[in-house]
N, C-alpha and C. Protein backbone atom coordinates (compact mmCIF):
# COMPACT_ATOMS: atom_id res chain seq x y z
N MET A 1 0.83 -1.16 0.00
CA MET A 1 0.00 0.00 0.00
C MET A 1 0.88 1.24 0.00
N ARG A 2 0.51 2.11 -0.85
CA ARG A 2 1.30 3.31 -1.02
C ARG A 2 0.63 4.48 -0.34
N LEU A 3 1.42 5.21 0.47
CA LEU A 3 0.87 6.38 1.15
C LEU A 3 1.20 7.63 0.35
N GLY A 4 0.22 8.46 0.25
CA GLY A 4 0.45 9.73 -0.46
C GLY A 4 1.18 10.72 0.44
N ARG A 5 1.84 11.61 -0.20
CA ARG A 5 2.57 12.60 0.57
C ARG A 5 1.65 13.65 1.17
N GLY A 6 0.56 13.88 0.63
CA GLY A 6 -0.39 14.85 1.18
C GLY A 6 0.15 16.27 1.11
N GLN A 7 -0.44 17.11 1.89
CA GLN A 7 -0.04 18.51 1.94
C GLN A 7 1.23 18.67 2.79
N PRO A 8 2.14 19.50 2.38
CA PRO A 8 3.33 19.73 3.21
C PRO A 8 2.94 20.43 4.51
N VAL A 9 3.59 20.02 5.57
CA VAL A 9 3.29 20.60 6.89
C VAL A 9 4.14 21.85 7.06
N ARG A 10 3.46 22.95 7.40
CA ARG A 10 4.19 24.19 7.66
C ARG A 10 4.52 24.25 9.14
N ARG A 11 5.76 24.33 9.42
CA ARG A 11 6.18 24.41 10.82
C ARG A 11 6.58 25.85 11.13
N THR A 12 6.10 26.31 12.26
CA THR A 12 6.49 27.64 12.72
C THR A 12 7.33 27.48 13.97
N PRO A 13 8.30 28.33 14.15
CA PRO A 13 9.15 28.19 15.33
C PRO A 13 8.35 28.48 16.61
N ASP A 14 8.66 27.71 17.65
CA ASP A 14 8.00 27.90 18.94
C ASP A 14 8.80 28.96 19.71
N LEU A 15 8.20 30.11 19.94
CA LEU A 15 8.88 31.22 20.59
C LEU A 15 8.70 31.22 22.11
N THR A 16 7.98 30.25 22.63
CA THR A 16 7.72 30.22 24.07
C THR A 16 8.99 30.19 24.91
N PRO A 17 9.98 29.35 24.62
CA PRO A 17 11.20 29.37 25.44
C PRO A 17 11.93 30.71 25.40
N MET A 18 11.95 31.34 24.23
CA MET A 18 12.62 32.63 24.12
C MET A 18 11.89 33.69 24.95
N VAL A 19 10.58 33.70 24.91
CA VAL A 19 9.80 34.65 25.70
C VAL A 19 10.02 34.40 27.19
N ASP A 20 10.09 33.13 27.59
CA ASP A 20 10.36 32.81 29.00
C ASP A 20 11.71 33.36 29.44
N VAL A 21 12.71 33.18 28.61
CA VAL A 21 14.05 33.68 28.95
C VAL A 21 14.05 35.20 29.05
N ILE A 22 13.36 35.86 28.15
CA ILE A 22 13.29 37.33 28.18
C ILE A 22 12.63 37.79 29.48
N PHE A 23 11.54 37.17 29.89
CA PHE A 23 10.88 37.55 31.14
C PHE A 23 11.79 37.30 32.34
N LEU A 24 12.52 36.20 32.34
CA LEU A 24 13.45 35.93 33.44
C LEU A 24 14.56 36.98 33.50
N LEU A 25 15.05 37.40 32.34
CA LEU A 25 16.06 38.45 32.32
C LEU A 25 15.52 39.77 32.84
N ILE A 26 14.29 40.09 32.49
CA ILE A 26 13.67 41.33 32.98
C ILE A 26 13.55 41.28 34.50
N VAL A 27 13.08 40.16 35.04
CA VAL A 27 12.95 40.02 36.49
C VAL A 27 14.31 40.12 37.16
N PHE A 28 15.33 39.49 36.58
CA PHE A 28 16.67 39.54 37.15
C PHE A 28 17.19 40.98 37.21
N PHE A 29 17.06 41.71 36.12
CA PHE A 29 17.59 43.08 36.10
C PHE A 29 16.80 44.01 37.01
N LEU A 30 15.50 43.79 37.15
CA LEU A 30 14.72 44.59 38.10
C LEU A 30 15.17 44.32 39.53
N ALA A 31 15.40 43.06 39.86
CA ALA A 31 15.86 42.73 41.22
C ALA A 31 17.26 43.27 41.47
N ALA A 32 18.14 43.16 40.49
CA ALA A 32 19.50 43.67 40.66
C ALA A 32 19.50 45.18 40.82
N ALA A 33 18.65 45.86 40.08
CA ALA A 33 18.57 47.32 40.21
C ALA A 33 18.07 47.72 41.58
N ARG A 34 17.13 46.97 42.12
CA ARG A 34 16.61 47.27 43.46
C ARG A 34 17.68 47.08 44.53
N LEU A 35 18.47 46.02 44.42
CA LEU A 35 19.54 45.78 45.39
C LEU A 35 20.59 46.88 45.31
N GLU A 36 20.86 47.36 44.11
CA GLU A 36 21.87 48.41 43.96
C GLU A 36 21.36 49.73 44.54
N GLN A 37 20.06 49.99 44.49
CA GLN A 37 19.50 51.22 45.06
C GLN A 37 19.71 51.28 46.56
N ASP A 38 19.69 50.14 47.24
CA ASP A 38 19.91 50.12 48.69
C ASP A 38 21.29 50.64 49.04
N ARG A 39 22.25 50.37 48.18
CA ARG A 39 23.62 50.81 48.44
C ARG A 39 23.84 52.27 48.05
N ARG A 40 22.89 52.88 47.36
CA ARG A 40 23.06 54.25 46.91
C ARG A 40 22.19 55.24 47.67
N GLU A 41 21.51 54.81 48.69
CA GLU A 41 20.68 55.72 49.47
C GLU A 41 21.59 56.81 50.05
N PRO A 42 21.18 58.09 49.93
CA PRO A 42 22.08 59.17 50.35
C PRO A 42 22.34 59.18 51.85
N VAL A 43 23.58 58.91 52.21
CA VAL A 43 24.01 58.90 53.60
C VAL A 43 25.39 59.55 53.65
N ASP A 44 25.62 60.39 54.64
CA ASP A 44 26.92 61.01 54.83
C ASP A 44 27.79 60.06 55.63
N LEU A 45 28.55 59.21 54.93
CA LEU A 45 29.37 58.19 55.58
C LEU A 45 30.61 58.81 56.21
N PRO A 46 31.09 58.20 57.29
CA PRO A 46 32.37 58.67 57.84
C PRO A 46 33.50 58.35 56.86
N GLN A 47 34.56 59.14 56.92
CA GLN A 47 35.68 58.93 56.00
C GLN A 47 36.76 58.10 56.68
N GLN A 48 37.43 57.30 55.87
CA GLN A 48 38.47 56.42 56.39
C GLN A 48 39.54 56.28 55.33
N SER A 49 40.78 56.50 55.71
CA SER A 49 41.86 56.25 54.77
C SER A 49 42.20 54.77 54.84
N GLY A 50 42.76 54.26 53.80
CA GLY A 50 43.12 52.84 53.81
C GLY A 50 42.92 52.22 52.45
N GLU A 51 42.66 50.94 52.46
CA GLU A 51 42.51 50.20 51.22
C GLU A 51 41.27 50.63 50.46
N PRO A 52 41.33 50.59 49.13
CA PRO A 52 40.13 50.91 48.35
C PRO A 52 39.05 49.86 48.56
N ASP A 53 37.85 50.23 48.19
CA ASP A 53 36.68 49.36 48.36
C ASP A 53 36.86 48.07 47.58
N ARG A 54 36.63 46.93 48.23
CA ARG A 54 36.64 45.65 47.53
C ARG A 54 35.22 45.31 47.11
N SER A 55 35.12 44.37 46.21
CA SER A 55 33.79 43.97 45.77
C SER A 55 33.10 43.22 46.89
N ARG A 56 31.86 43.56 47.09
CA ARG A 56 31.08 42.93 48.16
C ARG A 56 30.14 41.90 47.56
N GLY A 57 29.86 40.87 48.32
CA GLY A 57 28.86 39.91 47.91
C GLY A 57 27.47 40.47 48.19
N GLU A 58 26.49 39.84 47.64
CA GLU A 58 25.13 40.27 47.90
C GLU A 58 24.77 39.99 49.34
N GLY A 59 23.97 40.81 49.90
CA GLY A 59 23.57 40.62 51.29
C GLY A 59 22.59 41.69 51.70
N LEU A 60 22.40 41.80 52.98
CA LEU A 60 21.46 42.74 53.55
C LEU A 60 22.18 44.06 53.81
N VAL A 61 21.59 45.17 53.37
CA VAL A 61 22.17 46.49 53.58
C VAL A 61 21.30 47.23 54.59
N LEU A 62 21.89 47.57 55.74
CA LEU A 62 21.20 48.34 56.77
C LEU A 62 21.75 49.76 56.73
N THR A 63 20.85 50.75 56.71
CA THR A 63 21.27 52.15 56.66
C THR A 63 20.75 52.86 57.89
N LEU A 64 21.66 53.44 58.68
CA LEU A 64 21.29 54.27 59.82
C LEU A 64 21.34 55.72 59.36
N MET A 65 20.19 56.38 59.35
CA MET A 65 20.11 57.76 58.90
C MET A 65 20.61 58.69 60.00
N GLY A 66 20.76 59.98 59.67
CA GLY A 66 21.28 60.96 60.60
C GLY A 66 20.46 61.10 61.87
N ASP A 67 19.16 60.87 61.78
CA ASP A 67 18.29 60.98 62.96
C ASP A 67 18.21 59.68 63.75
N GLY A 68 18.99 58.66 63.35
CA GLY A 68 18.99 57.38 64.06
C GLY A 68 17.98 56.39 63.53
N ALA A 69 17.24 56.75 62.47
CA ALA A 69 16.25 55.84 61.90
C ALA A 69 16.96 54.75 61.10
N LEU A 70 16.45 53.53 61.18
CA LEU A 70 17.00 52.39 60.46
C LEU A 70 16.19 52.18 59.19
N ARG A 71 16.89 52.08 58.06
CA ARG A 71 16.21 51.82 56.78
C ARG A 71 16.77 50.54 56.19
N ILE A 72 15.84 49.68 55.76
CA ILE A 72 16.20 48.42 55.10
C ILE A 72 15.41 48.38 53.80
N ALA A 73 16.11 48.26 52.69
CA ALA A 73 15.49 48.24 51.36
C ALA A 73 14.63 49.47 51.14
N GLY A 74 15.10 50.62 51.63
CA GLY A 74 14.41 51.88 51.43
C GLY A 74 13.21 52.11 52.32
N VAL A 75 12.96 51.21 53.27
CA VAL A 75 11.80 51.32 54.16
C VAL A 75 12.29 51.54 55.58
N SER A 76 11.73 52.53 56.27
CA SER A 76 12.10 52.78 57.66
C SER A 76 11.57 51.66 58.54
N ARG A 77 12.43 51.14 59.40
CA ARG A 77 12.06 50.07 60.32
C ARG A 77 12.48 50.45 61.73
N ASP A 78 11.85 49.83 62.72
CA ASP A 78 12.22 50.03 64.11
C ASP A 78 13.42 49.13 64.42
N ILE A 79 14.38 49.67 65.15
CA ILE A 79 15.57 48.88 65.49
C ILE A 79 15.19 47.65 66.31
N ASP A 80 14.16 47.75 67.14
CA ASP A 80 13.73 46.61 67.95
C ASP A 80 13.16 45.48 67.10
N ALA A 81 12.72 45.79 65.87
CA ALA A 81 12.17 44.76 64.98
C ALA A 81 13.26 44.06 64.18
N LEU A 82 14.52 44.48 64.35
CA LEU A 82 15.62 43.91 63.57
C LEU A 82 15.80 42.40 63.77
N PRO A 83 15.72 41.85 65.00
CA PRO A 83 15.88 40.39 65.14
C PRO A 83 14.84 39.60 64.34
N ALA A 84 13.60 40.06 64.32
CA ALA A 84 12.56 39.36 63.56
C ALA A 84 12.84 39.45 62.06
N LEU A 85 13.30 40.60 61.60
CA LEU A 85 13.63 40.76 60.18
C LEU A 85 14.80 39.87 59.78
N LEU A 86 15.79 39.77 60.67
CA LEU A 86 16.94 38.89 60.38
C LEU A 86 16.53 37.43 60.37
N ALA A 87 15.63 37.05 61.28
CA ALA A 87 15.16 35.66 61.30
C ALA A 87 14.43 35.33 60.00
N GLU A 88 13.66 36.29 59.49
CA GLU A 88 12.94 36.07 58.24
C GLU A 88 13.91 36.01 57.06
N ALA A 89 14.94 36.85 57.08
CA ALA A 89 15.89 36.89 55.97
C ALA A 89 16.83 35.69 55.97
N SER A 90 16.96 35.02 57.11
CA SER A 90 17.94 33.93 57.22
C SER A 90 17.29 32.56 57.24
N ARG A 91 16.20 32.39 56.54
CA ARG A 91 15.53 31.08 56.54
C ARG A 91 16.47 29.99 56.05
N GLU A 92 17.22 30.27 54.98
CA GLU A 92 18.14 29.26 54.46
C GLU A 92 19.54 29.45 55.02
N GLN A 93 20.03 30.68 54.98
CA GLN A 93 21.38 30.97 55.44
C GLN A 93 21.43 32.43 55.87
N MET A 94 22.17 32.71 56.94
CA MET A 94 22.28 34.08 57.42
C MET A 94 22.98 34.93 56.37
N PRO A 95 22.35 36.04 55.95
CA PRO A 95 22.96 36.87 54.91
C PRO A 95 24.12 37.69 55.47
N SER A 96 25.01 38.09 54.58
CA SER A 96 26.04 39.03 54.99
C SER A 96 25.38 40.39 55.19
N VAL A 97 25.91 41.19 56.09
CA VAL A 97 25.29 42.47 56.42
C VAL A 97 26.30 43.59 56.20
N THR A 98 25.86 44.63 55.51
CA THR A 98 26.64 45.85 55.36
C THR A 98 25.90 46.95 56.11
N LEU A 99 26.57 47.58 57.05
CA LEU A 99 25.98 48.65 57.86
C LEU A 99 26.49 49.98 57.34
N ARG A 100 25.56 50.81 56.87
CA ARG A 100 25.88 52.15 56.39
C ARG A 100 25.32 53.13 57.41
N ALA A 101 26.18 53.73 58.21
CA ALA A 101 25.74 54.64 59.27
C ALA A 101 26.18 56.06 58.94
N ASN A 102 25.24 56.99 59.01
CA ASN A 102 25.56 58.40 58.81
C ASN A 102 26.56 58.82 59.87
N ARG A 103 27.47 59.72 59.52
CA ARG A 103 28.49 60.13 60.48
C ARG A 103 27.91 60.88 61.67
N GLU A 104 26.67 61.36 61.57
CA GLU A 104 26.03 62.09 62.66
C GLU A 104 25.34 61.17 63.67
N VAL A 105 25.23 59.89 63.37
CA VAL A 105 24.56 58.94 64.26
C VAL A 105 25.42 58.71 65.50
N ASP A 106 24.76 58.70 66.65
CA ASP A 106 25.45 58.45 67.92
C ASP A 106 26.04 57.04 67.89
N VAL A 107 27.27 56.91 68.38
CA VAL A 107 27.94 55.62 68.37
C VAL A 107 27.19 54.58 69.21
N ALA A 108 26.41 55.01 70.19
CA ALA A 108 25.63 54.08 71.00
C ALA A 108 24.57 53.38 70.14
N VAL A 109 24.01 54.09 69.17
CA VAL A 109 23.00 53.49 68.28
C VAL A 109 23.68 52.46 67.38
N VAL A 110 24.85 52.80 66.85
CA VAL A 110 25.59 51.85 66.00
C VAL A 110 25.96 50.61 66.81
N ASP A 111 26.43 50.82 68.04
CA ASP A 111 26.79 49.70 68.91
C ASP A 111 25.57 48.81 69.19
N ARG A 112 24.43 49.43 69.42
CA ARG A 112 23.20 48.66 69.68
C ARG A 112 22.84 47.78 68.48
N VAL A 113 22.93 48.35 67.28
CA VAL A 113 22.61 47.57 66.07
C VAL A 113 23.60 46.42 65.90
N ILE A 114 24.89 46.68 66.12
CA ILE A 114 25.89 45.62 65.98
C ILE A 114 25.66 44.51 67.00
N ARG A 115 25.28 44.87 68.22
CA ARG A 115 24.99 43.85 69.23
C ARG A 115 23.77 43.02 68.85
N ILE A 116 22.75 43.66 68.30
CA ILE A 116 21.56 42.91 67.85
C ILE A 116 21.96 41.95 66.73
N LEU A 117 22.79 42.41 65.81
CA LEU A 117 23.25 41.54 64.71
C LEU A 117 24.04 40.35 65.25
N ALA A 118 24.90 40.59 66.24
CA ALA A 118 25.69 39.50 66.82
C ALA A 118 24.80 38.49 67.54
N ARG A 119 23.81 38.97 68.30
CA ARG A 119 22.90 38.05 68.99
C ARG A 119 22.04 37.26 68.02
N SER A 120 21.80 37.83 66.84
CA SER A 120 20.97 37.15 65.84
C SER A 120 21.75 36.13 65.02
N GLY A 121 23.06 36.05 65.25
CA GLY A 121 23.86 35.04 64.55
C GLY A 121 24.53 35.51 63.28
N VAL A 122 24.57 36.81 63.04
CA VAL A 122 25.26 37.32 61.86
C VAL A 122 26.77 37.09 62.06
N PRO A 123 27.41 36.38 61.15
CA PRO A 123 28.82 36.04 61.36
C PRO A 123 29.77 37.23 61.29
N GLY A 124 29.42 38.26 60.58
CA GLY A 124 30.29 39.43 60.46
C GLY A 124 29.52 40.59 59.86
N VAL A 125 29.97 41.79 60.16
CA VAL A 125 29.30 42.99 59.67
C VAL A 125 30.34 43.87 58.98
N GLU A 126 30.05 44.28 57.76
CA GLU A 126 30.89 45.26 57.08
C GLU A 126 30.33 46.64 57.41
N ILE A 127 31.19 47.55 57.80
CA ILE A 127 30.76 48.92 58.06
C ILE A 127 31.26 49.77 56.91
N ALA A 128 30.33 50.40 56.20
CA ALA A 128 30.68 51.19 55.02
C ALA A 128 31.25 52.53 55.45
N VAL A 129 32.31 52.95 54.77
CA VAL A 129 32.92 54.26 55.00
C VAL A 129 33.24 54.87 53.65
N ALA A 130 33.38 56.19 53.64
CA ALA A 130 33.77 56.89 52.43
C ALA A 130 35.29 57.00 52.39
N PRO A 131 35.90 56.89 51.22
CA PRO A 131 37.35 57.00 51.15
C PRO A 131 37.81 58.44 51.37
N GLY A 132 39.05 58.59 51.80
CA GLY A 132 39.64 59.92 51.86
C GLY A 132 39.78 60.51 53.23
N GLY A 133 39.73 59.71 54.28
CA GLY A 133 39.89 60.24 55.63
C GLY A 133 41.32 60.67 55.88
N GLY A 134 41.47 61.68 56.72
CA GLY A 134 42.81 62.16 57.06
C GLY A 134 43.41 61.32 58.16
N SER A 135 44.68 61.55 58.43
CA SER A 135 45.35 60.77 59.48
C SER A 135 45.29 61.45 60.81
């Protein structure tokens, strides 16, 4: 028995995987831009001479404003709520923490935040400073 060839089948490329990849890239760049904004919040950092800034890994950025307010991801938070926020952020692994404190913040407030971070199990804290301090 002989089969006829029939009509040729027109195949169109399936664009679904490409669209999926494009959406994933958009989500990635939006998330990366948001993380970078946390590091650019305007704060008058203390100056420190020494080694230039090294590349930091991703982690939690805490910003202490001049009035002593704590900001995380651009949102003002109460310092007393910090342990609960750290517990939520560390479901899988405790994140690295960068503390950006305005130079006008009382050192007692900075000390309080560092003690809360230590009690919460944060292995280390990077304190951000601006380059160019005098000796």
